[in-house]
C-alpha atoms as a PDB file:
ATOM      1  CA  MET A   1      93.073 -13.506  94.953  1.00  0.00           C
ATOM      2  CA  ARG A   2      92.965 -10.150  96.695  1.00  0.00           C
ATOM      3  CA  THR A   3      95.396  -9.757  99.558  1.00  0.00           C
ATOM      4  CA  ASP A   4      98.645  -8.184 100.744  1.00  0.00           C
ATOM      5  CA  PRO A   5     101.851  -9.737 102.146  1.00  0.00           C
ATOM      6  CA  GLY A   6     100.841  -9.145 105.757  1.00  0.00           C
ATOM      7  CA  ARG A   7      97.904 -11.523 105.351  1.00  0.00           C
ATOM      8  CA  VAL A   8      99.863 -14.441 103.882  1.00  0.00           C
ATOM      9  CA  LEU A   9     101.027 -16.942 106.506  1.00  0.00           C
ATOM     10  CA  VAL A  10     103.574 -19.559 105.440  1.00  0.00           C
ATOM     11  CA  CYS A  11     102.920 -22.973 107.011  1.00  0.00           C
ATOM     12  CA  GLY A  12     104.477 -26.420 107.059  1.00  0.00           C
ATOM     13  CA  GLY A  13     101.902 -28.055 104.781  1.00  0.00           C
ATOM     14  CA  PHE A  14      98.118 -28.042 104.549  1.00  0.00           C
ATOM     15  CA  ALA A  15      97.672 -30.133 107.704  1.00  0.00           C
ATOM     16  CA  HIS A  16      99.660 -27.593 109.714  1.00  0.00           C
ATOM     17  CA  ALA A  17      97.569 -24.701 108.381  1.00  0.00           C
ATOM     18  CA  LEU A  18      94.315 -26.535 109.135  1.00  0.00           C
ATOM     19  CA  THR A  19      95.498 -27.388 112.653  1.00  0.00           C
ATOM     20  CA  LEU A  20      96.199 -23.712 113.352  1.00  0.00           C
ATOM     21  CA  LEU A  21      92.831 -22.681 111.919  1.00  0.00           C
ATOM     22  CA  ALA A  22      90.998 -25.285 113.976  1.00  0.00           C
ATOM     23  CA  ALA A  23      92.632 -24.046 117.182  1.00  0.00           C
ATOM     24  CA  VAL A  24      91.750 -20.418 116.420  1.00  0.00           C
ATOM     25  CA  LEU A  25      88.171 -21.288 115.456  1.00  0.00           C
ATOM     26  CA  ARG A  26      87.689 -23.244 118.674  1.00  0.00           C
ATOM     27  CA  ALA A  27      89.142 -20.355 120.723  1.00  0.00           C
ATOM     28  CA  ARG A  28      86.635 -18.052 119.024  1.00  0.00           C
ATOM     29  CA  GLY A  29      83.720 -20.198 120.163  1.00  0.00           C
ATOM     30  CA  VAL A  30      83.115 -22.236 117.006  1.00  0.00           C
ATOM     31  CA  HIS A  31      81.846 -25.749 117.745  1.00  0.00           C
ATOM     32  CA  THR A  32      80.843 -27.104 114.313  1.00  0.00           C
ATOM     33  CA  VAL A  33      82.533 -27.138 110.902  1.00  0.00           C
ATOM     34  CA  ALA A  34      80.665 -28.331 107.814  1.00  0.00           C
ATOM     35  CA  VAL A  35      82.700 -30.568 105.494  1.00  0.00           C
ATOM     36  CA  GLU A  36      82.090 -32.371 102.221  1.00  0.00           C
ATOM     37  CA  SER A  37      80.467 -35.811 102.193  1.00  0.00           C
ATOM     38  CA  TYR A  38      83.629 -37.181 100.586  1.00  0.00           C
ATOM     39  CA  GLY A  39      87.067 -35.980 101.621  1.00  0.00           C
ATOM     40  CA  LEU A  40      90.255 -36.859 103.456  1.00  0.00           C
ATOM     41  CA  HIS A  41      89.496 -38.347 106.854  1.00  0.00           C
ATOM     42  CA  VAL A  42      92.845 -36.944 108.036  1.00  0.00           C
ATOM     43  CA  HIS A  43      91.440 -33.428 107.725  1.00  0.00           C
ATOM     44  CA  ARG A  44      88.267 -34.360 109.592  1.00  0.00           C
ATOM     45  CA  ASP A  45      90.400 -35.946 112.309  1.00  0.00           C
ATOM     46  CA  LEU A  46      92.422 -32.740 112.713  1.00  0.00           C
ATOM     47  CA  LEU A  47      89.228 -30.748 113.229  1.00  0.00           C
ATOM     48  CA  THR A  48      87.899 -33.311 115.696  1.00  0.00           C
ATOM     49  CA  ALA A  49      91.175 -33.303 117.635  1.00  0.00           C
ATOM     50  CA  ALA A  50      90.760 -29.540 118.101  1.00  0.00           C
ATOM     51  CA  GLY A  51      87.366 -30.088 119.725  1.00  0.00           C
ATOM     52  CA  LEU A  52      85.277 -29.306 116.644  1.00  0.00           C
ATOM     53  CA  ARG A  53      82.369 -31.387 115.379  1.00  0.00           C
ATOM     54  CA  THR A  54      82.168 -32.050 111.632  1.00  0.00           C
ATOM     55  CA  VAL A  55      78.867 -32.387 109.779  1.00  0.00           C
ATOM     56  CA  ALA A  56      78.571 -33.661 106.212  1.00  0.00           C
ATOM     57  CA  LEU A  57      77.186 -31.486 103.423  1.00  0.00           C
ATOM     58  CA  PRO A  58      74.865 -33.000 100.798  1.00  0.00           C
ATOM     59  CA  PHE A  59      76.381 -34.241  97.544  1.00  0.00           C
ATOM     60  CA  ASP A  60      74.585 -34.672  94.206  1.00  0.00           C
ATOM     61  CA  ASP A  61      75.318 -34.748  90.468  1.00  0.00           C
ATOM     62  CA  ARG A  62      76.342 -31.075  90.613  1.00  0.00           C
ATOM     63  CA  GLY A  63      78.840 -31.758  93.372  1.00  0.00           C
ATOM     64  CA  THR A  64      78.777 -30.510  96.946  1.00  0.00           C
ATOM     65  CA  ASP A  65      75.731 -28.535  98.013  1.00  0.00           C
ATOM     66  CA  PRO A  66      77.294 -26.019 100.420  1.00  0.00           C
ATOM     67  CA  ALA A  67      74.265 -25.277 102.532  1.00  0.00           C
ATOM     68  CA  PRO A  68      75.806 -25.450 106.022  1.00  0.00           C
ATOM     69  CA  PRO A  69      73.435 -26.264 108.897  1.00  0.00           C
ATOM     70  CA  ASP A  70      72.480 -23.746 111.519  1.00  0.00           C
ATOM     71  CA  GLY A  71      75.244 -23.300 114.047  1.00  0.00           C
ATOM     72  CA  ALA A  72      78.175 -24.116 111.746  1.00  0.00           C
ATOM     73  CA  GLY A  73      80.921 -21.532 112.191  1.00  0.00           C
ATOM     74  CA  ALA A  74      82.939 -22.558 109.137  1.00  0.00           C
ATOM     75  CA  VAL A  75      82.828 -24.784 106.071  1.00  0.00           C
ATOM     76  CA  LEU A  76      85.781 -26.649 104.525  1.00  0.00           C
ATOM     77  CA  LEU A  77      85.556 -27.015 100.733  1.00  0.00           C
ATOM     78  CA  THR A  78      87.672 -28.081  97.750  1.00  0.00           C
ATOM     79  CA  PRO A  79      85.947 -25.826  95.180  1.00  0.00           C
ATOM     80  CA  ALA A  80      88.468 -26.033  92.308  1.00  0.00           C
ATOM     81  CA  HIS A  81      88.413 -29.852  92.093  1.00  0.00           C
ATOM     82  CA  GLN A  82      86.449 -31.652  94.778  1.00  0.00           C
ATOM     83  CA  PHE A  83      88.463 -34.431  96.352  1.00  0.00           C
ATOM     84  CA  PRO A  84      87.980 -37.230  95.584  1.00  0.00           C
ATOM     85  CA  MET A  85      84.888 -36.923  93.354  1.00  0.00           C
ATOM     86  CA  GLY A  86      86.598 -34.490  91.007  1.00  0.00           C
ATOM     87  CA  VAL A  87      83.876 -31.945  90.200  1.00  0.00           C
ATOM     88  CA  PRO A  88      84.310 -28.168  90.585  1.00  0.00           C
ATOM     89  CA  LEU A  89      81.918 -26.239  92.792  1.00  0.00           C
ATOM     90  CA  HIS A  90      79.061 -24.968  90.620  1.00  0.00           C
ATOM     91  CA  PRO A  91      79.080 -21.150  90.095  1.00  0.00           C
ATOM     92  CA  ASP A  92      75.668 -20.768  91.766  1.00  0.00           C
ATOM     93  CA  ARG A  93      76.917 -22.688  94.775  1.00  0.00           C
ATOM     94  CA  ARG A  94      80.116 -20.657  94.962  1.00  0.00           C
ATOM     95  CA  THR A  95      78.020 -17.519  95.273  1.00  0.00           C
ATOM     96  CA  ALA A  96      75.630 -19.157  97.737  1.00  0.00           C
ATOM     97  CA  VAL A  97      78.324 -20.264 100.188  1.00  0.00           C
ATOM     98  CA  VAL A  98      79.930 -16.815 100.215  1.00  0.00           C
ATOM     99  CA  ASP A  99      76.513 -15.244 100.810  1.00  0.00           C
ATOM    100  CA  TRP A 100      75.991 -17.664 103.701  1.00  0.00           C
ATOM    101  CA  ALA A 101      79.315 -16.667 105.247  1.00  0.00           C
ATOM    102  CA  ARG A 102      78.480 -12.973 104.963  1.00  0.00           C
ATOM    103  CA  ARG A 103      75.039 -13.474 106.460  1.00  0.00           C
ATOM    104  CA  THR A 104      76.153 -15.590 109.410  1.00  0.00           C
ATOM    105  CA  GLY A 105      79.640 -14.211 110.055  1.00  0.00           C
ATOM    106  CA  ALA A 106      81.152 -17.644 109.409  1.00  0.00           C
ATOM    107  CA  LEU A 107      84.288 -18.497 107.450  1.00  0.00           C
ATOM    108  CA  VAL A 108      84.838 -20.499 104.253  1.00  0.00           C
ATOM    109  CA  LEU A 109      88.056 -22.543 104.312  1.00  0.00           C
ATOM    110  CA  GLU A 110      89.091 -22.960 100.674  1.00  0.00           C
ATOM    111  CA  ASP A 111      91.398 -25.910 100.000  1.00  0.00           C
ATOM    112  CA  ASP A 112      92.747 -25.198  96.497  1.00  0.00           C
ATOM    113  CA  TYR A 113      93.144 -28.895  95.788  1.00  0.00           C
ATOM    114  CA  ASP A 114      94.489 -29.599  92.262  1.00  0.00           C
ATOM    115  CA  GLY A 115      93.784 -26.001  91.255  1.00  0.00           C
ATOM    116  CA  GLU A 116      96.849 -25.826  88.993  1.00  0.00           C
ATOM    117  CA  PHE A 117      96.126 -28.986  86.988  1.00  0.00           C
ATOM    118  CA  ARG A 118      93.016 -28.397  84.865  1.00  0.00           C
ATOM    119  CA  TYR A 119      92.790 -29.984  81.423  1.00  0.00           C
ATOM    120  CA  ASP A 120      89.485 -28.917  79.865  1.00  0.00           C
ATOM    121  CA  ARG A 121      89.690 -25.135  80.335  1.00  0.00           C
ATOM    122  CA  GLN A 122      91.533 -22.392  82.187  1.00  0.00           C
ATOM    123  CA  PRO A 123      91.972 -22.981  85.946  1.00  0.00           C
ATOM    124  CA  VAL A 124      88.955 -22.140  88.085  1.00  0.00           C
ATOM    125  CA  GLY A 125      89.327 -18.813  89.889  1.00  0.00           C
ATOM    126  CA  ALA A 126      89.852 -18.782  93.627  1.00  0.00           C
ATOM    127  CA  LEU A 127      86.753 -18.509  95.790  1.00  0.00           C
ATOM    128  CA  GLN A 128      88.712 -16.055  97.935  1.00  0.00           C
ATOM    129  CA  GLY A 129      88.370 -13.401  95.242  1.00  0.00           C
ATOM    130  CA  LEU A 130      84.609 -13.231  95.858  1.00  0.00           C
ATOM    131  CA  ASP A 131      85.069 -12.103  99.457  1.00  0.00           C
ATOM    132  CA  PRO A 132      88.557 -11.818 100.984  1.00  0.00           C
ATOM    133  CA  ASP A 133      86.985 -10.947 104.350  1.00  0.00           C
ATOM    134  CA  ARG A 134      85.125 -14.235 104.681  1.00  0.00           C
ATOM    135  CA  VAL A 135      87.268 -16.789 102.798  1.00  0.00           C
ATOM    136  CA  VAL A 136      90.533 -18.342 103.990  1.00  0.00           C
ATOM    137  CA  TYR A 137      92.538 -19.573 101.001  1.00  0.00           C
ATOM    138  CA  LEU A 138      94.853 -22.564 101.584  1.00  0.00           C
ATOM    139  CA  GLY A 139      97.407 -23.517  98.939  1.00  0.00           C
ATOM    140  CA  THR A 140     100.398 -25.858  98.870  1.00  0.00           C
ATOM    141  CA  ALA A 141     103.308 -26.967  96.685  1.00  0.00           C
ATOM    142  CA  SER A 142     102.497 -30.641  97.325  1.00  0.00           C
ATOM    143  CA  LYS A 143     101.064 -31.445  93.900  1.00  0.00           C
ATOM    144  CA  SER A 144     102.910 -28.941  91.737  1.00  0.00           C
ATOM    145  CA  LEU A 145     106.366 -29.686  93.196  1.00  0.00           C
ATOM    146  CA  ALA A 146     106.632 -32.420  95.857  1.00  0.00           C
ATOM    147  CA  PRO A 147     104.638 -33.541  98.938  1.00  0.00           C
ATOM    148  CA  GLY A 148     107.852 -33.788 100.949  1.00  0.00           C
ATOM    149  CA  LEU A 149     108.511 -30.067 100.574  1.00  0.00           C
ATOM    150  CA  ARG A 150     105.923 -29.332 103.319  1.00  0.00           C
ATOM    151  CA  LEU A 151     105.353 -25.780 102.129  1.00  0.00           C
ATOM    152  CA  ALA A 152     101.926 -24.174 102.253  1.00  0.00           C
ATOM    153  CA  TRP A 153     100.369 -20.748 102.579  1.00  0.00           C
ATOM    154  CA  ALA A 154      97.200 -19.392 104.130  1.00  0.00           C
ATOM    155  CA  VAL A 155      95.733 -16.187 102.700  1.00  0.00           C
ATOM    156  CA  LEU A 156      93.799 -14.758 105.635  1.00  0.00           C
ATOM    157  CA  PRO A 157      91.018 -12.241 106.233  1.00  0.00           C
ATOM    158  CA  PRO A 158      92.230  -9.086 108.036  1.00  0.00           C
ATOM    159  CA  GLY A 159      90.809 -10.074 111.425  1.00  0.00           C
ATOM    160  CA  LEU A 160      92.390 -13.523 111.391  1.00  0.00           C
ATOM    161  CA  ALA A 161      96.009 -12.894 110.475  1.00  0.00           C
ATOM    162  CA  ASP A 162      97.171 -11.867 113.961  1.00  0.00           C
ATOM    163  CA  ASP A 163      95.430 -14.815 115.640  1.00  0.00           C
ATOM    164  CA  LEU A 164      96.924 -17.364 113.233  1.00  0.00           C
ATOM    165  CA  THR A 165     100.374 -15.852 113.551  1.00  0.00           C
ATOM    166  CA  ALA A 166     100.108 -16.029 117.344  1.00  0.00           C
ATOM    167  CA  ALA A 167      98.878 -19.639 117.163  1.00  0.00           C
ATOM    168  CA  ARG A 168     101.862 -20.606 115.036  1.00  0.00           C
ATOM    169  CA  GLY A 169     104.212 -19.022 117.552  1.00  0.00           C
ATOM    170  CA  GLY A 170     107.872 -18.285 116.960  1.00  0.00           C
ATOM    171  CA  MET A 171     108.735 -21.750 115.687  1.00  0.00           C
ATOM    172  CA  ASP A 172     109.830 -22.009 112.043  1.00  0.00           C
ATOM    173  CA  THR A 173     107.721 -24.657 110.354  1.00  0.00           C
ATOM    174  CA  CYS A 174     109.466 -24.801 106.997  1.00  0.00           C
ATOM    175  CA  GLY A 175     112.994 -23.977 105.968  1.00  0.00           C
ATOM    176  CA  VAL A 176     113.926 -20.471 104.903  1.00  0.00           C
ATOM    177  CA  LEU A 177     116.005 -21.891 102.040  1.00  0.00           C
ATOM    178  CA  ASP A 178     112.934 -23.748 100.740  1.00  0.00           C
ATOM    179  CA  GLN A 179     110.919 -20.533 100.830  1.00  0.00           C
ATOM    180  CA  LEU A 180     113.617 -18.473  99.126  1.00  0.00           C
ATOM    181  CA  THR A 181     114.063 -21.138  96.450  1.00  0.00           C
ATOM    182  CA  LEU A 182     110.350 -21.194  95.709  1.00  0.00           C
ATOM    183  CA  ALA A 183     110.279 -17.379  95.616  1.00  0.00           C
ATOM    184  CA  GLU A 184     113.049 -17.403  93.002  1.00  0.00           C
ATOM    185  CA  PHE A 185     111.235 -20.162  91.108  1.00  0.00           C
ATOM    186  CA  LEU A 186     108.127 -17.963  90.976  1.00  0.00           C
ATOM    187  CA  THR A 187     109.702 -14.638  90.077  1.00  0.00           C
ATOM    188  CA  SER A 188     111.938 -16.111  87.357  1.00  0.00           C
ATOM    189  CA  GLY A 189     108.998 -17.708  85.552  1.00  0.00           C
ATOM    190  CA  ALA A 190     110.429 -21.198  86.029  1.00  0.00           C
ATOM    191  CA  TYR A 191     107.473 -22.269  88.163  1.00  0.00           C
ATOM    192  CA  ASP A 192     104.960 -21.412  85.412  1.00  0.00           C
ATOM    193  CA  ARG A 193     107.018 -23.316  82.855  1.00  0.00           C
ATOM    194  CA  HIS A 194     107.261 -26.298  85.183  1.00  0.00           C
ATOM    195  CA  VAL A 195     103.488 -26.386  85.821  1.00  0.00           C
ATOM    196  CA  ARG A 196     102.706 -26.154  82.098  1.00  0.00           C
ATOM    197  CA  ALA A 197     105.040 -29.046  81.336  1.00  0.00           C
ATOM    198  CA  ALA A 198     103.668 -31.123  84.234  1.00  0.00           C
ATOM    199  CA  ARG A 199     100.101 -30.422  83.141  1.00  0.00           C
ATOM    200  CA  LEU A 200     100.838 -31.780  79.679  1.00  0.00           C
ATOM    201  CA  ARG A 201     102.555 -34.872  81.078  1.00  0.00           C
ATOM    202  CA  TYR A 202      99.701 -35.688  83.453  1.00  0.00           C
ATOM    203  CA  ARG A 203      97.077 -35.052  80.810  1.00  0.00           C
ATOM    204  CA  ARG A 204      98.767 -37.650  78.602  1.00  0.00           C
ATOM    205  CA  ARG A 205      98.663 -40.116  81.485  1.00  0.00           C
ATOM    206  CA  ARG A 206      94.994 -39.395  82.071  1.00  0.00           C
ATOM    207  CA  ASP A 207      94.233 -39.940  78.385  1.00  0.00           C
ATOM    208  CA  ALA A 208      96.154 -43.220  78.422  1.00  0.00           C
ATOM    209  CA  LEU A 209      94.165 -44.360  81.463  1.00  0.00           C
ATOM    210  CA  VAL A 210      90.836 -43.553  79.796  1.00  0.00           C
ATOM    211  CA  GLU A 211      91.869 -45.315  76.574  1.00  0.00           C
ATOM    212  CA  ALA A 212      93.024 -48.424  78.451  1.00  0.00           C
ATOM    213  CA  LEU A 213      89.773 -48.629  80.380  1.00  0.00           C
ATOM    214  CA  ALA A 214      87.719 -48.347  77.198  1.00  0.00           C
ATOM    215  CA  ALA A 215      89.692 -51.178  75.587  1.00  0.00           C
ATOM    216  CA  ARG A 216      90.152 -53.561  78.531  1.00  0.00           C
ATOM    217  CA  ALA A 217      87.539 -52.723  81.174  1.00  0.00           C
ATOM    218  CA  PRO A 218      84.522 -51.268  79.359  1.00  0.00           C
ATOM    219  CA  GLY A 219      82.296 -51.848  82.382  1.00  0.00           C
ATOM    220  CA  VAL A 220      84.315 -49.361  84.443  1.00  0.00           C
ATOM    221  CA  ARG A 221      83.725 -45.626  84.042  1.00  0.00           C
ATOM    222  CA  ALA A 222      86.324 -42.980  84.899  1.00  0.00           C
ATOM    223  CA  THR A 223      84.895 -39.803  86.441  1.00  0.00           C
ATOM    224  CA  GLY A 224      86.299 -36.594  87.886  1.00  0.00           C
ATOM    225  CA  ILE A 225      89.019 -36.439  85.230  1.00  0.00           C
ATOM    226  CA  ALA A 226      88.755 -32.818  84.058  1.00  0.00           C
ATOM    227  CA  ALA A 227      91.544 -31.859  86.452  1.00  0.00           C
ATOM    228  CA  GLY A 228      93.944 -33.223  89.019  1.00  0.00           C
ATOM    229  CA  LEU A 229      96.115 -36.300  89.289  1.00  0.00           C
ATOM    230  CA  HIS A 230      93.524 -38.961  90.080  1.00  0.00           C
ATOM    231  CA  ALA A 231      90.371 -40.532  88.722  1.00  0.00           C
ATOM    232  CA  VAL A 232      87.390 -42.166  90.378  1.00  0.00           C
ATOM    233  CA  LEU A 233      86.647 -45.480  88.679  1.00  0.00           C
ATOM    234  CA  ARG A 234      82.978 -46.394  89.056  1.00  0.00           C
ATOM    235  CA  LEU A 235      82.560 -50.151  89.501  1.00  0.00           C
ATOM    236  CA  PRO A 236      79.677 -52.602  89.237  1.00  0.00           C
ATOM    237  CA  PRO A 237      77.726 -52.765  92.540  1.00  0.00           C
ATOM    238  CA  GLY A 238      79.324 -54.908  95.212  1.00  0.00           C
ATOM    239  CA  THR A 239      82.787 -55.144  93.618  1.00  0.00           C
ATOM    240  CA  GLU A 240      84.808 -52.460  95.430  1.00  0.00           C
ATOM    241  CA  GLN A 241      86.427 -54.771  97.983  1.00  0.00           C
ATOM    242  CA  SER A 242      87.230 -57.505  95.468  1.00  0.00           C
ATOM    243  CA  VAL A 243      88.913 -54.966  93.174  1.00  0.00           C
ATOM    244  CA  LEU A 244      90.997 -53.645  96.069  1.00  0.00           C
ATOM    245  CA  LYS A 245      92.141 -57.184  96.897  1.00  0.00           C
ATOM    246  CA  ALA A 246      92.976 -57.892  93.260  1.00  0.00           C
ATOM    247  CA  ALA A 247      94.906 -54.613  93.029  1.00  0.00           C
ATOM    248  CA  ALA A 248      96.897 -55.504  96.136  1.00  0.00           C
ATOM    249  CA  TRP A 249      97.845 -58.824  94.513  1.00  0.00           C
ATOM    250  CA  GLN A 250      99.092 -56.803  91.541  1.00  0.00           C
ATOM    251  CA  GLY A 251     101.216 -54.633  93.830  1.00  0.00           C
ATOM    252  CA  LEU A 252      99.048 -51.535  93.381  1.00  0.00           C
ATOM    253  CA  GLY A 253      98.095 -49.084  96.115  1.00  0.00           C
ATOM    254  CA  LEU A 254      94.472 -48.151  95.464  1.00  0.00           C
ATOM    255  CA  HIS A 255      91.854 -46.772  97.839  1.00  0.00           C
ATOM    256  CA  GLY A 256      88.171 -47.541  97.863  1.00  0.00           C
ATOM    257  CA  LEU A 257      85.812 -44.570  97.630  1.00  0.00           C
ATOM    258  CA  SER A 258      84.243 -45.707 100.902  1.00  0.00           C
ATOM    259  CA  LEU A 259      87.463 -44.692 102.710  1.00  0.00           C
ATOM    260  CA  PHE A 260      86.737 -41.036 101.958  1.00  0.00           C
ATOM    261  CA  ARG A 261      83.048 -41.061 102.862  1.00  0.00           C
ATOM    262  CA  HIS A 262      81.986 -39.083 105.951  1.00  0.00           C
ATOM    263  CA  PRO A 263      80.330 -41.360 108.541  1.00  0.00           C
ATOM    264  CA  GLU A 264      77.227 -39.138 108.508  1.00  0.00           C
ATOM    265  CA  ALA A 265      76.974 -38.689 104.719  1.00  0.00           C
ATOM    266  CA  VAL A 266      73.403 -39.164 103.516  1.00  0.00           C
ATOM    267  CA  ALA A 267      74.164 -39.877  99.851  1.00  0.00           C
ATOM    268  CA  GLU A 268      73.773 -43.442  98.620  1.00  0.00           C
ATOM    269  CA  PRO A 269      77.131 -45.303  98.810  1.00  0.00           C
ATOM    270  CA  VAL A 270      78.837 -45.914  95.458  1.00  0.00           C
ATOM    271  CA  ASP A 271      81.244 -48.723  94.601  1.00  0.00           C
ATOM    272  CA  ALA A 272      84.400 -47.136  93.193  1.00  0.00           C
ATOM    273  CA  VAL A 273      88.168 -46.938  93.567  1.00  0.00           C
ATOM    274  CA  VAL A 274      90.324 -43.818  93.592  1.00  0.00           C
ATOM    275  CA  VAL A 275      93.326 -44.154  91.274  1.00  0.00           C
ATOM    276  CA  GLY A 276      96.216 -41.695  91.404  1.00  0.00           C
ATOM    277  CA  TYR A 277      98.073 -41.595  88.100  1.00  0.00           C
ATOM    278  CA  GLY A 278     100.790 -39.130  89.089  1.00  0.00           C
ATOM    279  CA  THR A 279     102.858 -41.417  91.317  1.00  0.00           C
ATOM    280  CA  PRO A 280     104.452 -44.095  89.069  1.00  0.00           C
ATOM    281  CA  PRO A 281     107.740 -42.977  87.478  1.00  0.00           C
ATOM    282  CA  ASP A 282     107.787 -42.892  83.697  1.00  0.00           C
ATOM    283  CA  HIS A 283     109.568 -46.233  83.378  1.00  0.00           C
ATOM    284  CA  ALA A 284     106.904 -47.953  85.525  1.00  0.00           C
ATOM    285  CA  TRP A 285     103.791 -46.222  84.172  1.00  0.00           C
ATOM    286  CA  ALA A 286     102.927 -48.714  81.405  1.00  0.00           C
ATOM    287  CA  GLY A 287     103.314 -51.665  83.775  1.00  0.00           C
ATOM    288  CA  ALA A 288     101.181 -50.011  86.451  1.00  0.00           C
ATOM    289  CA  LEU A 289      98.435 -49.286  83.929  1.00  0.00           C
ATOM    290  CA  ASP A 290      98.512 -52.882  82.712  1.00  0.00           C
ATOM    291  CA  ALA A 291      98.314 -54.203  86.300  1.00  0.00           C
ATOM    292  CA  LEU A 292      95.362 -51.920  87.019  1.00  0.00           C
ATOM    293  CA  CYS A 293      93.421 -53.252  84.040  1.00  0.00           C
ATOM    294  CA  ARG A 294      94.047 -56.827  85.184  1.00  0.00           C
ATOM    295  CA  ALA A 295      92.585 -55.990  88.618  1.00  0.00           C
ATOM    296  CA  LEU A 296      89.367 -54.488  87.253  1.00  0.00           C
ATOM    297  CA  PRO A 297      86.215 -56.488  86.494  1.00  0.00           C
END
């Protein structure tokens, strides 16, 4: 990324940062934000609550096609590892969305989802580096450390930093001790060592998941597994709901892919479940994997 300390705003989690951005965008006259066809409905709800309309971007075998419609003042993307489908934004499309923002004066909101956990190559570079004046970078410690930490940061274009700071107000949104601890973790090198160790641990879990599926559920295909802490398991047509019920009987908390689909998405619906493999503690991992295989067709 290219920035300076005066353009980094510390927030109380990604949702807090997005809420502030939505309020500032609406105050600036933005009415529509383009979002991915699949994503967290919580984020869409935050935009809607701020008075913004969300429109779904096309999705194909190369991932999200970031061609925002006329009138969109911003686009929200997960370019490093699209959630939940798991594909990175194609290089041509990265360039295209930045060109669109420059041409229209809009903003790209970059959610660096799972950016630190890539298994097949070096982490994908931040989109913000292509144009710091048109891209807002949003990062958190939720995956690398703990969701309960509620510590995030927004790297802002020059003309946006003052507005976001004013929108946040004088209220502290995350503890100073948490921030100072993370700063020490970073500067000492301990954070890098922690991420490398966590990456290896999660990669082993991913490999175990893929091997178990091949042996016990060969009709189920795991996709989106080059990075992150989850996999999308593609199911035979018409089986998503039955698998979710079977998983619930096994005591597993799975989500159907349909939960993440934008109501206006034009892509053909796909039967699949989203499986997070980072949650079970080590002593429960083998049992959780066995229960998952029993729930699959």
